[in-house]
Amino acid sequence: MFSTILNEVIIPAAADNPLDGVTPNIDVFGVKFKGAIQLILGGIWALVLILVTAAFLWNLGKWGVARQRGHSDDISDGADGAKRSGIAFAAVAGASVIIGGILALTGAAGA
């Protein structure tokens, strides 16, 4: 009985994409909104860059002080923190390239 039900079901080969040809665009909300969004995102990005840079410098300082004093546990903590904050700085600084690459890949996959 189950096999007869399966034989009667019609499964389409491919579903139509209702968003075919649609791209995100904030221009529809107006020039003032677009300008405000760009200003806010730019400010947030700058603030995050400042914070990550401060963390990187702080961790480098901890690492240097620990090396000078010979504290092996603190050397490891400072080095790990400097590596993490350095990677975070690279990711934040290259955020536009990273996001653009992801959008390009997903746009190419959808085409």
PDB file of N, CA and C in Angstrom:
ATOM      1  N   MET A   1       0.816  -1.189   0.000  1.00  0.00           N
ATOM      2  CA  MET A   1       0.000   0.000   0.000  1.00  0.00           C
ATOM      3  C   MET A   1       0.864   1.258   0.000  1.00  0.00           C
ATOM      4  N   PHE A   2       1.957   1.237   0.754  1.00  0.00           N
ATOM      5  CA  PHE A   2       2.856   2.393   0.830  1.00  0.00           C
ATOM      6  C   PHE A   2       3.501   2.682  -0.521  1.00  0.00           C
ATOM      7  N   SER A   3       3.892   1.657  -1.231  1.00  0.00           N
ATOM      8  CA  SER A   3       4.557   1.868  -2.520  1.00  0.00           C
ATOM      9  C   SER A   3       3.601   2.455  -3.549  1.00  0.00           C
ATOM     10  N   THR A   4       2.335   2.129  -3.480  1.00  0.00           N
ATOM     11  CA  THR A   4       1.392   2.705  -4.444  1.00  0.00           C
ATOM     12  C   THR A   4       1.173   4.193  -4.183  1.00  0.00           C
ATOM     13  N   ILE A   5       1.211   4.579  -2.910  1.00  0.00           N
ATOM     14  CA  ILE A   5       1.065   5.999  -2.597  1.00  0.00           C
ATOM     15  C   ILE A   5       2.273   6.766  -3.114  1.00  0.00           C
ATOM     16  N   LEU A   6       3.456   6.202  -2.955  1.00  0.00           N
ATOM     17  CA  LEU A   6       4.666   6.862  -3.447  1.00  0.00           C
ATOM     18  C   LEU A   6       4.654   6.991  -4.961  1.00  0.00           C
ATOM     19  N   ASN A   7       4.138   6.019  -5.650  1.00  0.00           N
ATOM     20  CA  ASN A   7       4.120   6.069  -7.109  1.00  0.00           C
ATOM     21  C   ASN A   7       3.175   7.148  -7.625  1.00  0.00           C
ATOM     22  N   GLU A   8       2.174   7.529  -6.846  1.00  0.00           N
ATOM     23  CA  GLU A   8       1.212   8.528  -7.289  1.00  0.00           C
ATOM     24  C   GLU A   8       1.631   9.956  -6.948  1.00  0.00           C
ATOM     25  N   VAL A   9       2.621  10.123  -6.078  1.00  0.00           N
ATOM     26  CA  VAL A   9       3.073  11.452  -5.686  1.00  0.00           C
ATOM     27  C   VAL A   9       3.967  12.019  -6.783  1.00  0.00           C
ATOM     28  N   ILE A  10       3.694  13.246  -7.174  1.00  0.00           N
ATOM     29  CA  ILE A  10       4.503  13.904  -8.201  1.00  0.00           C
ATOM     30  C   ILE A  10       5.447  14.880  -7.510  1.00  0.00           C
ATOM     31  N   ILE A  11       6.739  14.669  -7.692  1.00  0.00           N
ATOM     32  CA  ILE A  11       7.762  15.524  -7.094  1.00  0.00           C
ATOM     33  C   ILE A  11       8.382  16.348  -8.205  1.00  0.00           C
ATOM     34  N   PRO A  12       8.294  17.677  -8.115  1.00  0.00           N
ATOM     35  CA  PRO A  12       8.896  18.503  -9.167  1.00  0.00           C
ATOM     36  C   PRO A  12      10.417  18.366  -9.161  1.00  0.00           C
ATOM     37  N   ALA A  13      11.023  18.470 -10.332  1.00  0.00           N
ATOM     38  CA  ALA A  13      12.480  18.338 -10.464  1.00  0.00           C
ATOM     39  C   ALA A  13      13.194  19.494  -9.780  1.00  0.00           C
ATOM     40  N   ALA A  14      12.678  20.688  -9.917  1.00  0.00           N
ATOM     41  CA  ALA A  14      13.292  21.854  -9.286  1.00  0.00           C
ATOM     42  C   ALA A  14      12.197  22.869  -8.979  1.00  0.00           C
ATOM     43  N   ALA A  15      12.273  23.446  -7.806  1.00  0.00           N
ATOM     44  CA  ALA A  15      11.293  24.463  -7.424  1.00  0.00           C
ATOM     45  C   ALA A  15      11.740  25.821  -7.964  1.00  0.00           C
ATOM     46  N   ASP A  16      10.768  26.646  -8.336  1.00  0.00           N
ATOM     47  CA  ASP A  16      11.074  27.997  -8.803  1.00  0.00           C
ATOM     48  C   ASP A  16      11.511  28.854  -7.621  1.00  0.00           C
ATOM     49  N   ASN A  17      12.529  29.683  -7.828  1.00  0.00           N
ATOM     50  CA  ASN A  17      13.016  30.576  -6.789  1.00  0.00           C
ATOM     51  C   ASN A  17      12.194  31.862  -6.842  1.00  0.00           C
ATOM     52  N   PRO A  18      11.416  32.152  -5.792  1.00  0.00           N
ATOM     53  CA  PRO A  18      10.602  33.371  -5.823  1.00  0.00           C
ATOM     54  C   PRO A  18      11.440  34.645  -5.703  1.00  0.00           C
ATOM     55  N   LEU A  19      12.687  34.538  -5.261  1.00  0.00           N
ATOM     56  CA  LEU A  19      13.552  35.709  -5.103  1.00  0.00           C
ATOM     57  C   LEU A  19      14.579  35.823  -6.228  1.00  0.00           C
ATOM     58  N   ASP A  20      14.337  35.145  -7.342  1.00  0.00           N
ATOM     59  CA  ASP A  20      15.276  35.187  -8.458  1.00  0.00           C
ATOM     60  C   ASP A  20      15.369  36.610  -9.004  1.00  0.00           C
ATOM     61  N   GLY A  21      16.570  37.145  -9.036  1.00  0.00           N
ATOM     62  CA  GLY A  21      16.800  38.488  -9.538  1.00  0.00           C
ATOM     63  C   GLY A  21      16.634  39.586  -8.499  1.00  0.00           C
ATOM     64  N   VAL A  22      16.279  39.241  -7.274  1.00  0.00           N
ATOM     65  CA  VAL A  22      16.097  40.225  -6.208  1.00  0.00           C
ATOM     66  C   VAL A  22      17.414  40.359  -5.444  1.00  0.00           C
ATOM     67  N   THR A  23      17.857  41.599  -5.240  1.00  0.00           N
ATOM     68  CA  THR A  23      19.069  41.850  -4.466  1.00  0.00           C
ATOM     69  C   THR A  23      18.738  42.819  -3.337  1.00  0.00           C
ATOM     70  N   PRO A  24      19.415  42.684  -2.198  1.00  0.00           N
ATOM     71  CA  PRO A  24      19.149  43.614  -1.098  1.00  0.00           C
ATOM     72  C   PRO A  24      19.616  45.028  -1.448  1.00  0.00           C
ATOM     73  N   ASN A  25      18.795  46.011  -1.100  1.00  0.00           N
ATOM     74  CA  ASN A  25      19.119  47.392  -1.418  1.00  0.00           C
ATOM     75  C   ASN A  25      18.441  48.294  -0.384  1.00  0.00           C
ATOM     76  N   ILE A  26      19.243  49.065   0.359  1.00  0.00           N
ATOM     77  CA  ILE A  26      18.651  49.946   1.373  1.00  0.00           C
ATOM     78  C   ILE A  26      18.260  51.305   0.801  1.00  0.00           C
ATOM     79  N   ASP A  27      18.465  51.530  -0.484  1.00  0.00           N
ATOM     80  CA  ASP A  27      18.090  52.800  -1.110  1.00  0.00           C
ATOM     81  C   ASP A  27      16.580  53.035  -1.045  1.00  0.00           C
ATOM     82  N   VAL A  28      15.813  51.983  -0.928  1.00  0.00           N
ATOM     83  CA  VAL A  28      14.364  52.109  -0.894  1.00  0.00           C
ATOM     84  C   VAL A  28      13.904  52.902   0.328  1.00  0.00           C
ATOM     85  N   PHE A  29      14.707  52.943   1.391  1.00  0.00           N
ATOM     86  CA  PHE A  29      14.341  53.666   2.604  1.00  0.00           C
ATOM     87  C   PHE A  29      14.719  55.144   2.560  1.00  0.00           C
ATOM     88  N   GLY A  30      15.408  55.568   1.535  1.00  0.00           N
ATOM     89  CA  GLY A  30      15.742  56.980   1.381  1.00  0.00           C
ATOM     90  C   GLY A  30      17.210  57.277   1.652  1.00  0.00           C
ATOM     91  N   VAL A  31      17.635  58.449   1.182  1.00  0.00           N
ATOM     92  CA  VAL A  31      19.034  58.855   1.284  1.00  0.00           C
ATOM     93  C   VAL A  31      19.428  59.123   2.735  1.00  0.00           C
ATOM     94  N   LYS A  32      18.528  59.740   3.510  1.00  0.00           N
ATOM     95  CA  LYS A  32      18.844  60.033   4.909  1.00  0.00           C
ATOM     96  C   LYS A  32      19.070  58.750   5.704  1.00  0.00           C
ATOM     97  N   PHE A  33      18.228  57.748   5.475  1.00  0.00           N
ATOM     98  CA  PHE A  33      18.377  56.472   6.173  1.00  0.00           C
ATOM     99  C   PHE A  33      19.691  55.793   5.781  1.00  0.00           C
ATOM    100  N   LYS A  34      19.981  55.804   4.490  1.00  0.00           N
ATOM    101  CA  LYS A  34      21.224  55.184   4.007  1.00  0.00           C
ATOM    102  C   LYS A  34      22.438  55.883   4.623  1.00  0.00           C
ATOM    103  N   GLY A  35      22.418  57.202   4.652  1.00  0.00           N
ATOM    104  CA  GLY A  35      23.524  57.955   5.239  1.00  0.00           C
ATOM    105  C   GLY A  35      23.671  57.691   6.729  1.00  0.00           C
ATOM    106  N   ALA A  36      22.539  57.609   7.435  1.00  0.00           N
ATOM    107  CA  ALA A  36      22.577  57.346   8.874  1.00  0.00           C
ATOM    108  C   ALA A  36      23.117  55.948   9.157  1.00  0.00           C
ATOM    109  N   ILE A  37      22.684  54.974   8.387  1.00  0.00           N
ATOM    110  CA  ILE A  37      23.162  53.590   8.570  1.00  0.00           C
ATOM    111  C   ILE A  37      24.662  53.521   8.322  1.00  0.00           C
ATOM    112  N   GLN A  38      25.133  54.156   7.269  1.00  0.00           N
ATOM    113  CA  GLN A  38      26.566  54.136   6.969  1.00  0.00           C
ATOM    114  C   GLN A  38      27.356  54.828   8.079  1.00  0.00           C
ATOM    115  N   LEU A  39      26.837  55.910   8.599  1.00  0.00           N
ATOM    116  CA  LEU A  39      27.503  56.635   9.679  1.00  0.00           C
ATOM    117  C   LEU A  39      27.557  55.792  10.960  1.00  0.00           C
ATOM    118  N   ILE A  40      26.443  55.159  11.309  1.00  0.00           N
ATOM    119  CA  ILE A  40      26.394  54.330  12.513  1.00  0.00           C
ATOM    120  C   ILE A  40      27.313  53.118  12.387  1.00  0.00           C
ATOM    121  N   LEU A  41      27.241  52.415  11.256  1.00  0.00           N
ATOM    122  CA  LEU A  41      28.101  51.239  11.063  1.00  0.00           C
ATOM    123  C   LEU A  41      29.576  51.618  11.037  1.00  0.00           C
ATOM    124  N   GLY A  42      29.904  52.757  10.441  1.00  0.00           N
ATOM    125  CA  GLY A  42      31.288  53.231  10.435  1.00  0.00           C
ATOM    126  C   GLY A  42      31.787  53.545  11.832  1.00  0.00           C
ATOM    127  N   GLY A  43      30.924  54.152  12.646  1.00  0.00           N
ATOM    128  CA  GLY A  43      31.290  54.454  14.027  1.00  0.00           C
ATOM    129  C   GLY A  43      31.485  53.198  14.856  1.00  0.00           C
ATOM    130  N   ILE A  44      30.595  52.224  14.692  1.00  0.00           N
ATOM    131  CA  ILE A  44      30.732  50.952  15.411  1.00  0.00           C
ATOM    132  C   ILE A  44      32.010  50.240  14.998  1.00  0.00           C
ATOM    133  N   TRP A  45      32.288  50.241  13.701  1.00  0.00           N
ATOM    134  CA  TRP A  45      33.494  49.583  13.188  1.00  0.00           C
ATOM    135  C   TRP A  45      34.744  50.245  13.776  1.00  0.00           C
ATOM    136  N   ALA A  46      34.774  51.571  13.803  1.00  0.00           N
ATOM    137  CA  ALA A  46      35.926  52.296  14.365  1.00  0.00           C
ATOM    138  C   ALA A  46      36.083  52.001  15.854  1.00  0.00           C
ATOM    139  N   LEU A  47      34.975  51.957  16.585  1.00  0.00           N
ATOM    140  CA  LEU A  47      35.032  51.657  18.017  1.00  0.00           C
ATOM    141  C   LEU A  47      35.575  50.249  18.259  1.00  0.00           C
ATOM    142  N   VAL A  48      35.126  49.297  17.485  1.00  0.00           N
ATOM    143  CA  VAL A  48      35.619  47.921  17.630  1.00  0.00           C
ATOM    144  C   VAL A  48      37.109  47.845  17.288  1.00  0.00           C
ATOM    145  N   LEU A  49      37.534  48.553  16.253  1.00  0.00           N
ATOM    146  CA  LEU A  49      38.968  48.581  15.922  1.00  0.00           C
ATOM    147  C   LEU A  49      39.787  49.153  17.072  1.00  0.00           C
ATOM    148  N   ILE A  50      39.295  50.202  17.701  1.00  0.00           N
ATOM    149  CA  ILE A  50      40.000  50.798  18.838  1.00  0.00           C
ATOM    150  C   ILE A  50      40.089  49.807  19.992  1.00  0.00           C
ATOM    151  N   LEU A  51      38.981  49.134  20.304  1.00  0.00           N
ATOM    152  CA  LEU A  51      38.963  48.181  21.407  1.00  0.00           C
ATOM    153  C   LEU A  51      39.876  46.978  21.150  1.00  0.00           C
ATOM    154  N   VAL A  52      39.851  46.459  19.937  1.00  0.00           N
ATOM    155  CA  VAL A  52      40.699  45.310  19.610  1.00  0.00           C
ATOM    156  C   VAL A  52      42.172  45.720  19.613  1.00  0.00           C
ATOM    157  N   THR A  53      42.466  46.917  19.143  1.00  0.00           N
ATOM    158  CA  THR A  53      43.848  47.406  19.178  1.00  0.00           C
ATOM    159  C   THR A  53      44.324  47.565  20.621  1.00  0.00           C
ATOM    160  N   ALA A  54      43.472  48.099  21.490  1.00  0.00           N
ATOM    161  CA  ALA A  54      43.827  48.242  22.899  1.00  0.00           C
ATOM    162  C   ALA A  54      44.069  46.877  23.538  1.00  0.00           C
ATOM    163  N   ALA A  55      43.234  45.894  23.218  1.00  0.00           N
ATOM    164  CA  ALA A  55      43.419  44.541  23.761  1.00  0.00           C
ATOM    165  C   ALA A  55      44.727  43.937  23.270  1.00  0.00           C
ATOM    166  N   PHE A  56      45.053  44.162  22.000  1.00  0.00           N
ATOM    167  CA  PHE A  56      46.297  43.642  21.439  1.00  0.00           C
ATOM    168  C   PHE A  56      47.506  44.255  22.148  1.00  0.00           C
ATOM    169  N   LEU A  57      47.486  45.570  22.317  1.00  0.00           N
ATOM    170  CA  LEU A  57      48.595  46.238  22.999  1.00  0.00           C
ATOM    171  C   LEU A  57      48.694  45.803  24.464  1.00  0.00           C
ATOM    172  N   TRP A  58      47.551  45.652  25.130  1.00  0.00           N
ATOM    173  CA  TRP A  58      47.539  45.199  26.510  1.00  0.00           C
ATOM    174  C   TRP A  58      48.163  43.803  26.628  1.00  0.00           C
ATOM    175  N   ASN A  59      47.768  42.899  25.747  1.00  0.00           N
ATOM    176  CA  ASN A  59      48.308  41.537  25.788  1.00  0.00           C
ATOM    177  C   ASN A  59      49.794  41.499  25.454  1.00  0.00           C
ATOM    178  N   LEU A  60      50.226  42.341  24.527  1.00  0.00           N
ATOM    179  CA  LEU A  60      51.662  42.419  24.238  1.00  0.00           C
ATOM    180  C   LEU A  60      52.424  42.919  25.462  1.00  0.00           C
ATOM    181  N   GLY A  61      51.849  43.888  26.150  1.00  0.00           N
ATOM    182  CA  GLY A  61      52.476  44.396  27.369  1.00  0.00           C
ATOM    183  C   GLY A  61      52.558  43.331  28.452  1.00  0.00           C
ATOM    184  N   LYS A  62      51.476  42.589  28.652  1.00  0.00           N
ATOM    185  CA  LYS A  62      51.483  41.498  29.638  1.00  0.00           C
ATOM    186  C   LYS A  62      52.544  40.456  29.288  1.00  0.00           C
ATOM    187  N   TRP A  63      52.657  40.152  28.020  1.00  0.00           N
ATOM    188  CA  TRP A  63      53.623  39.158  27.554  1.00  0.00           C
ATOM    189  C   TRP A  63      55.048  39.649  27.819  1.00  0.00           C
ATOM    190  N   GLY A  64      55.305  40.911  27.476  1.00  0.00           N
ATOM    191  CA  GLY A  64      56.641  41.469  27.686  1.00  0.00           C
ATOM    192  C   GLY A  64      57.035  41.532  29.154  1.00  0.00           C
ATOM    193  N   VAL A  65      56.108  41.962  30.020  1.00  0.00           N
ATOM    194  CA  VAL A  65      56.392  42.029  31.457  1.00  0.00           C
ATOM    195  C   VAL A  65      56.628  40.632  32.018  1.00  0.00           C
ATOM    196  N   ALA A  66      55.821  39.666  31.598  1.00  0.00           N
ATOM    197  CA  ALA A  66      55.983  38.297  32.089  1.00  0.00           C
ATOM    198  C   ALA A  66      57.310  37.702  31.637  1.00  0.00           C
ATOM    199  N   ARG A  67      57.725  38.002  30.408  1.00  0.00           N
ATOM    200  CA  ARG A  67      59.036  37.504  29.924  1.00  0.00           C
ATOM    201  C   ARG A  67      60.169  38.118  30.724  1.00  0.00           C
ATOM    202  N   GLN A  68      60.045  39.399  31.017  1.00  0.00           N
ATOM    203  CA  GLN A  68      61.095  40.090  31.756  1.00  0.00           C
ATOM    204  C   GLN A  68      61.225  39.542  33.184  1.00  0.00           C
ATOM    205  N   ARG A  69      60.098  39.204  33.782  1.00  0.00           N
ATOM    206  CA  ARG A  69      60.107  38.697  35.156  1.00  0.00           C
ATOM    207  C   ARG A  69      60.278  37.182  35.231  1.00  0.00           C
ATOM    208  N   GLY A  70      60.155  36.491  34.106  1.00  0.00           N
ATOM    209  CA  GLY A  70      60.343  35.041  34.080  1.00  0.00           C
ATOM    210  C   GLY A  70      59.158  34.238  34.586  1.00  0.00           C
ATOM    211  N   HIS A  71      57.951  34.778  34.511  1.00  0.00           N
ATOM    212  CA  HIS A  71      56.739  34.058  34.932  1.00  0.00           C
ATOM    213  C   HIS A  71      56.217  33.251  33.753  1.00  0.00           C
ATOM    214  N   SER A  72      56.469  31.945  33.775  1.00  0.00           N
ATOM    215  CA  SER A  72      56.157  31.115  32.610  1.00  0.00           C
ATOM    216  C   SER A  72      54.649  31.035  32.338  1.00  0.00           C
ATOM    217  N   ASP A  73      53.819  30.977  33.368  1.00  0.00           N
ATOM    218  CA  ASP A  73      52.368  30.919  33.149  1.00  0.00           C
ATOM    219  C   ASP A  73      51.858  32.211  32.513  1.00  0.00           C
ATOM    220  N   ASP A  74      52.352  33.329  32.984  1.00  0.00           N
ATOM    221  CA  ASP A  74      51.925  34.614  32.437  1.00  0.00           C
ATOM    222  C   ASP A  74      52.451  34.825  31.020  1.00  0.00           C
ATOM    223  N   ILE A  75      53.620  34.255  30.722  1.00  0.00           N
ATOM    224  CA  ILE A  75      54.150  34.347  29.344  1.00  0.00           C
ATOM    225  C   ILE A  75      53.185  33.662  28.395  1.00  0.00           C
ATOM    226  N   SER A  76      52.754  32.461  28.763  1.00  0.00           N
ATOM    227  CA  SER A  76      51.825  31.709  27.921  1.00  0.00           C
ATOM    228  C   SER A  76      50.500  32.446  27.760  1.00  0.00           C
ATOM    229  N   ASP A  77      49.967  32.982  28.855  1.00  0.00           N
ATOM    230  CA  ASP A  77      48.705  33.730  28.792  1.00  0.00           C
ATOM    231  C   ASP A  77      48.834  34.976  27.921  1.00  0.00           C
ATOM    232  N   GLY A  78      49.924  35.704  28.083  1.00  0.00           N
ATOM    233  CA  GLY A  78      50.135  36.908  27.283  1.00  0.00           C
ATOM    234  C   GLY A  78      50.299  36.605  25.814  1.00  0.00           C
ATOM    235  N   ALA A  79      51.046  35.534  25.511  1.00  0.00           N
ATOM    236  CA  ALA A  79      51.255  35.155  24.106  1.00  0.00           C
ATOM    237  C   ALA A  79      49.945  34.709  23.471  1.00  0.00           C
ATOM    238  N   ASP A  80      49.169  33.889  24.189  1.00  0.00           N
ATOM    239  CA  ASP A  80      47.884  33.442  23.652  1.00  0.00           C
ATOM    240  C   ASP A  80      46.931  34.616  23.444  1.00  0.00           C
ATOM    241  N   GLY A  81      46.903  35.527  24.408  1.00  0.00           N
ATOM    242  CA  GLY A  81      46.045  36.705  24.275  1.00  0.00           C
ATOM    243  C   GLY A  81      46.455  37.588  23.114  1.00  0.00           C
ATOM    244  N   ALA A  82      47.777  37.750  22.930  1.00  0.00           N
ATOM    245  CA  ALA A  82      48.270  38.563  21.811  1.00  0.00           C
ATOM    246  C   ALA A  82      47.911  37.920  20.478  1.00  0.00           C
ATOM    247  N   LYS A  83      48.015  36.599  20.393  1.00  0.00           N
ATOM    248  CA  LYS A  83      47.650  35.902  19.150  1.00  0.00           C
ATOM    249  C   LYS A  83      46.164  36.051  18.854  1.00  0.00           C
ATOM    250  N   ARG A  84      45.334  35.837  19.882  1.00  0.00           N
ATOM    251  CA  ARG A  84      43.885  35.954  19.685  1.00  0.00           C
ATOM    252  C   ARG A  84      43.483  37.373  19.299  1.00  0.00           C
ATOM    253  N   SER A  85      44.019  38.354  20.002  1.00  0.00           N
ATOM    254  CA  SER A  85      43.642  39.733  19.689  1.00  0.00           C
ATOM    255  C   SER A  85      44.230  40.174  18.352  1.00  0.00           C
ATOM    256  N   GLY A  86      45.378  39.633  17.953  1.00  0.00           N
ATOM    257  CA  GLY A  86      45.936  39.924  16.633  1.00  0.00           C
ATOM    258  C   GLY A  86      45.061  39.372  15.521  1.00  0.00           C
ATOM    259  N   ILE A  87      44.570  38.150  15.708  1.00  0.00           N
ATOM    260  CA  ILE A  87      43.660  37.553  14.726  1.00  0.00           C
ATOM    261  C   ILE A  87      42.343  38.333  14.695  1.00  0.00           C
ATOM    262  N   ALA A  88      41.857  38.726  15.869  1.00  0.00           N
ATOM    263  CA  ALA A  88      40.628  39.519  15.923  1.00  0.00           C
ATOM    264  C   ALA A  88      40.810  40.857  15.214  1.00  0.00           C
ATOM    265  N   PHE A  89      41.969  41.491  15.394  1.00  0.00           N
ATOM    266  CA  PHE A  89      42.230  42.758  14.717  1.00  0.00           C
ATOM    267  C   PHE A  89      42.229  42.574  13.202  1.00  0.00           C
ATOM    268  N   ALA A  90      42.875  41.502  12.737  1.00  0.00           N
ATOM    269  CA  ALA A  90      42.896  41.235  11.294  1.00  0.00           C
ATOM    270  C   ALA A  90      41.485  41.005  10.758  1.00  0.00           C
ATOM    271  N   ALA A  91      40.665  40.285  11.515  1.00  0.00           N
ATOM    272  CA  ALA A  91      39.297  40.028  11.080  1.00  0.00           C
ATOM    273  C   ALA A  91      38.462  41.314  11.061  1.00  0.00           C
ATOM    274  N   VAL A  92      38.623  42.151  12.084  1.00  0.00           N
ATOM    275  CA  VAL A  92      37.862  43.409  12.135  1.00  0.00           C
ATOM    276  C   VAL A  92      38.336  44.360  11.038  1.00  0.00           C
ATOM    277  N   ALA A  93      39.651  44.455  10.857  1.00  0.00           N
ATOM    278  CA  ALA A  93      40.183  45.357   9.830  1.00  0.00           C
ATOM    279  C   ALA A  93      39.768  44.909   8.426  1.00  0.00           C
ATOM    280  N   GLY A  94      39.679  43.611   8.217  1.00  0.00           N
ATOM    281  CA  GLY A  94      39.299  43.084   6.906  1.00  0.00           C
ATOM    282  C   GLY A  94      37.838  42.706   6.807  1.00  0.00           C
ATOM    283  N   ALA A  95      37.009  43.235   7.695  1.00  0.00           N
ATOM    284  CA  ALA A  95      35.591  42.857   7.733  1.00  0.00           C
ATOM    285  C   ALA A  95      34.890  43.115   6.403  1.00  0.00           C
ATOM    286  N   SER A  96      35.163  44.235   5.771  1.00  0.00           N
ATOM    287  CA  SER A  96      34.475  44.531   4.505  1.00  0.00           C
ATOM    288  C   SER A  96      34.871  43.541   3.423  1.00  0.00           C
ATOM    289  N   VAL A  97      36.133  43.134   3.406  1.00  0.00           N
ATOM    290  CA  VAL A  97      36.585  42.154   2.414  1.00  0.00           C
ATOM    291  C   VAL A  97      35.977  40.788   2.709  1.00  0.00           C
ATOM    292  N   ILE A  98      35.938  40.414   3.998  1.00  0.00           N
ATOM    293  CA  ILE A  98      35.377  39.119   4.391  1.00  0.00           C
ATOM    294  C   ILE A  98      33.887  39.057   4.059  1.00  0.00           C
ATOM    295  N   ILE A  99      33.152  40.100   4.440  1.00  0.00           N
ATOM    296  CA  ILE A  99      31.710  40.124   4.168  1.00  0.00           C
ATOM    297  C   ILE A  99      31.456  40.175   2.665  1.00  0.00           C
ATOM    298  N   GLY A 100      32.237  40.969   1.943  1.00  0.00           N
ATOM    299  CA  GLY A 100      32.091  41.028   0.485  1.00  0.00           C
ATOM    300  C   GLY A 100      32.362  39.691  -0.171  1.00  0.00           C
ATOM    301  N   GLY A 101      33.372  38.972   0.324  1.00  0.00           N
ATOM    302  CA  GLY A 101      33.672  37.643  -0.224  1.00  0.00           C
ATOM    303  C   GLY A 101      32.549  36.655   0.036  1.00  0.00           C
ATOM    304  N   ILE A 102      31.983  36.696   1.239  1.00  0.00           N
ATOM    305  CA  ILE A 102      30.865  35.802   1.554  1.00  0.00           C
ATOM    306  C   ILE A 102      29.670  36.112   0.662  1.00  0.00           C
ATOM    307  N   LEU A 103      29.366  37.397   0.491  1.00  0.00           N
ATOM    308  CA  LEU A 103      28.243  37.774  -0.381  1.00  0.00           C
ATOM    309  C   LEU A 103      28.507  37.386  -1.826  1.00  0.00           C
ATOM    310  N   ALA A 104      29.751  37.517  -2.281  1.00  0.00           N
ATOM    311  CA  ALA A 104      30.083  37.127  -3.645  1.00  0.00           C
ATOM    312  C   ALA A 104      29.922  35.609  -3.840  1.00  0.00           C
ATOM    313  N   LEU A 105      30.364  34.843  -2.839  1.00  0.00           N
ATOM    314  CA  LEU A 105      30.231  33.393  -2.932  1.00  0.00           C
ATOM    315  C   LEU A 105      28.778  32.955  -2.921  1.00  0.00           C
ATOM    316  N   THR A 106      27.976  33.546  -2.042  1.00  0.00           N
ATOM    317  CA  THR A 106      26.572  33.154  -1.987  1.00  0.00           C
ATOM    318  C   THR A 106      25.813  33.654  -3.215  1.00  0.00           C
ATOM    319  N   GLY A 107      26.215  34.801  -3.751  1.00  0.00           N
ATOM    320  CA  GLY A 107      25.599  35.294  -4.977  1.00  0.00           C
ATOM    321  C   GLY A 107      25.951  34.426  -6.171  1.00  0.00           C
ATOM    322  N   ALA A 108      27.198  33.931  -6.218  1.00  0.00           N
ATOM    323  CA  ALA A 108      27.625  33.066  -7.308  1.00  0.00           C
ATOM    324  C   ALA A 108      26.962  31.702  -7.192  1.00  0.00           C
ATOM    325  N   ALA A 109      26.741  31.241  -5.967  1.00  0.00           N
ATOM    326  CA  ALA A 109      26.103  29.946  -5.767  1.00  0.00           C
ATOM    327  C   ALA A 109      24.629  29.988  -6.162  1.00  0.00           C
ATOM    328  N   GLY A 110      23.996  31.147  -5.960  1.00  0.00           N
ATOM    329  CA  GLY A 110      22.582  31.269  -6.305  1.00  0.00           C
ATOM    330  C   GLY A 110      22.348  31.483  -7.788  1.00  0.00           C
ATOM    331  N   ALA A 111      23.395  31.873  -8.525  1.00  0.00           N
ATOM    332  CA  ALA A 111      23.224  32.157  -9.953  1.00  0.00           C
ATOM    333  C   ALA A 111      23.289  30.917 -10.788  1.00  0.00           C
TER     334      ALA A 111
END
